[in-house]
C-alpha cells in the first residue's frame, strides 16, 4: 500500500507492543506504526505532526491509546487531543486491558471513537487487527488533514 497511513501507538508495555506488531504482520498490515511509551511523548509527537511548517513526523491516521500510562494517563492525552484546534477530530481508539465500566465510560465521555480490550491470544489479536485495518483504515472516511 503506497503511502500507507501512519498509526500512533501509545503503549508503555514492551510485551504488548511485540504481540501487537506480530498480529499486525499476520493481518497483512503495511502501515507504519510509530510507538511512544507514555502520554507526554504522545503529546510531543502530535504537537509536531500538527504543525505543517515544522512537521518532522507524519500525522497519524489514528491513535491506538492505552489508558494506564506513566507520566500522563490515556484519558489526559485524549482530553488534550479533543481540545486541540487542529487535532480534535482525530480518530482515537482506546486499546487497553481494562474492562472497568468506569474506564469505558470515561473514555467515551471524553471523546474516544472506540474502546477495545486487548485480547491475550495472538489469534484473537490478529482478528482484531484485521477488523481495525478493514474499518478504520480502509472503509472509514477520516477528517481532512490539518493544514
Protein backbone atom coordinates (compact mmCIF):
# COMPACT_ATOMS: atom_id res chain seq x y z
CA UNK A 1 0.00 0.00 0.00
CA UNK A 2 1.87 3.13 -1.14
CA UNK A 3 1.79 5.99 1.35
CA UNK A 4 0.04 3.82 3.93
CA UNK A 5 -1.31 5.96 6.77
CA UNK A 6 0.70 6.00 9.97
CA UNK A 7 -0.64 4.63 13.23
CA UNK A 8 0.47 6.20 16.51
CA UNK A 9 0.66 3.52 19.20
CA UNK A 10 0.80 4.89 22.75
CA UNK A 11 1.80 1.88 24.85
CA UNK A 12 4.24 1.51 27.74
CA UNK A 13 4.45 -2.31 27.90
CA UNK A 14 7.03 -3.81 25.54
CA UNK A 15 5.35 -7.25 25.58
CA UNK A 16 2.07 -5.71 24.39
CA UNK A 17 3.90 -3.89 21.60
CA UNK A 18 5.65 -7.07 20.42
CA UNK A 19 2.38 -9.03 20.42
CA UNK A 20 0.58 -6.26 18.54
CA UNK A 21 3.38 -5.97 15.96
CA UNK A 22 3.17 -9.73 15.39
CA UNK A 23 -0.62 -9.50 14.97
CA UNK A 24 -0.22 -6.61 12.52
CA UNK A 25 2.21 -8.68 10.42
CA UNK A 26 -0.14 -11.68 10.43
CA UNK A 27 -3.05 -9.40 9.46
CA UNK A 28 -1.06 -8.05 6.49
CA UNK A 29 -0.55 -4.51 7.78
CA UNK A 30 1.79 -2.37 5.71
CA UNK A 31 1.07 0.77 7.70
CA UNK A 32 3.97 2.33 9.55
CA UNK A 33 3.47 2.21 13.30
CA UNK A 34 5.14 4.86 15.42
CA UNK A 35 5.25 3.89 19.09
CA UNK A 36 5.66 6.18 22.06
CA UNK A 37 5.86 4.84 25.60
CA UNK A 38 3.89 7.43 27.55
CA UNK A 39 1.35 10.21 27.25
CA UNK A 40 3.78 13.12 27.36
CA UNK A 41 5.65 11.68 24.35
CA UNK A 42 2.32 11.24 22.55
CA UNK A 43 1.55 14.92 23.01
CA UNK A 44 5.05 15.88 21.86
CA UNK A 45 4.66 13.70 18.74
CA UNK A 46 1.18 15.01 17.95
CA UNK A 47 2.19 18.64 18.50
CA UNK A 48 4.95 18.19 15.96
CA UNK A 49 2.72 16.32 13.49
CA UNK A 50 0.02 19.03 13.71
CA UNK A 51 2.44 21.79 12.76
CA UNK A 52 2.65 21.81 8.95
CA UNK A 53 5.52 24.30 8.88
CA UNK A 54 7.67 22.45 11.43
CA UNK A 55 6.43 18.87 10.92
CA UNK A 56 9.17 16.24 11.15
CA UNK A 57 6.88 13.25 11.81
CA UNK A 58 3.82 12.11 9.88
CA UNK A 59 0.36 12.96 11.06
CA UNK A 60 -1.17 9.64 12.12
CA UNK A 61 -4.39 8.35 10.60
CA UNK A 62 -5.35 7.06 14.02
CA UNK A 63 -4.11 6.73 17.56
CA UNK A 64 -4.16 3.45 19.49
CA UNK A 65 -4.08 4.71 23.06
CA UNK A 66 -3.55 2.72 26.24
CA UNK A 67 -5.23 4.11 29.36
CA UNK A 68 -2.75 3.13 32.06
CA UNK A 69 0.40 5.07 31.14
CA UNK A 70 3.25 6.62 33.09
CA UNK A 71 3.55 10.42 33.40
CA UNK A 72 0.19 11.16 31.78
CA UNK A 73 -2.83 8.87 31.51
CA UNK A 74 -4.54 7.92 28.29
CA UNK A 75 -7.60 9.92 29.34
CA UNK A 76 -5.41 13.03 29.75
CA UNK A 77 -3.99 12.51 26.25
CA UNK A 78 -7.50 12.01 24.88
CA UNK A 79 -8.71 15.24 26.52
CA UNK A 80 -5.72 17.10 25.06
CA UNK A 81 -6.42 15.78 21.55
CA UNK A 82 -10.11 16.70 21.77
CA UNK A 83 -9.29 20.29 22.77
CA UNK A 84 -6.50 20.77 20.22
CA UNK A 85 -7.61 23.21 17.48
CA UNK A 86 -6.45 21.04 14.56
CA UNK A 87 -6.39 17.50 16.01
CA UNK A 88 -9.79 17.49 17.74
CA UNK A 89 -11.38 15.22 15.12
CA UNK A 90 -8.52 12.68 15.01
CA UNK A 91 -9.52 9.05 15.39
CA UNK A 92 -8.60 7.87 18.88
CA UNK A 93 -9.11 4.22 19.74
CA UNK A 94 -8.61 3.23 23.34
CA UNK A 95 -6.65 -0.02 23.34
CA UNK A 96 -6.32 -1.26 26.89
CA UNK A 97 -6.54 -4.27 29.16
CA UNK A 98 -9.08 -2.54 31.39
CA UNK A 99 -12.66 -3.77 31.21
CA UNK A 100 -13.70 -1.49 34.10
CA UNK A 101 -17.06 0.17 33.39
CA UNK A 102 -15.74 3.46 34.82
CA UNK A 103 -12.78 3.43 32.36
CA UNK A 104 -15.07 2.65 29.43
CA UNK A 105 -17.49 5.43 30.43
CA UNK A 106 -14.65 7.94 30.93
CA UNK A 107 -13.16 7.12 27.52
CA UNK A 108 -16.42 7.69 25.67
CA UNK A 109 -17.35 10.71 27.76
CA UNK A 110 -14.05 12.31 26.72
CA UNK A 111 -14.46 11.58 23.02
CA UNK A 112 -12.95 8.16 22.25
CA UNK A 113 -14.05 6.83 18.86
CA UNK A 114 -13.81 3.24 20.03
CA UNK A 115 -12.83 1.19 23.10
CA UNK A 116 -11.05 -2.11 22.52
CA UNK A 117 -9.97 -4.51 25.24
CA UNK A 118 -6.62 -6.12 24.41
CA UNK A 119 -7.01 -9.80 23.61
CA UNK A 120 -4.50 -12.09 25.28
CA UNK A 121 -4.00 -14.54 22.42
CA UNK A 122 -2.20 -13.83 19.17
CA UNK A 123 -5.09 -15.28 17.14
CA UNK A 124 -7.69 -13.01 18.74
CA UNK A 125 -5.38 -10.01 18.46
CA UNK A 126 -4.76 -10.76 14.77
CA UNK A 127 -8.51 -10.90 14.18
CA UNK A 128 -8.92 -7.57 15.98
CA UNK A 129 -6.07 -6.08 13.91
CA UNK A 130 -7.75 -7.22 10.68
CA UNK A 131 -11.01 -5.59 11.73
CA UNK A 132 -9.19 -2.44 12.75
CA UNK A 133 -7.50 -2.22 9.37
CA UNK A 134 -10.68 -3.00 7.42
CA UNK A 135 -12.86 -0.47 9.17
CA UNK A 136 -10.67 2.39 10.37
CA UNK A 137 -8.02 2.41 7.63
CA UNK A 138 -9.99 1.27 4.57
CA UNK A 139 -13.70 1.99 4.96
CA UNK A 140 -13.82 4.93 7.35
CA UNK A 141 -13.67 8.40 5.80
CA UNK A 142 -11.37 10.43 8.08
CA UNK A 143 -11.49 14.18 8.65
CA UNK A 144 -9.26 16.34 6.47
CA UNK A 145 -5.62 16.61 7.45
CA UNK A 146 -4.80 19.83 9.32
CA UNK A 147 -3.12 22.40 7.08
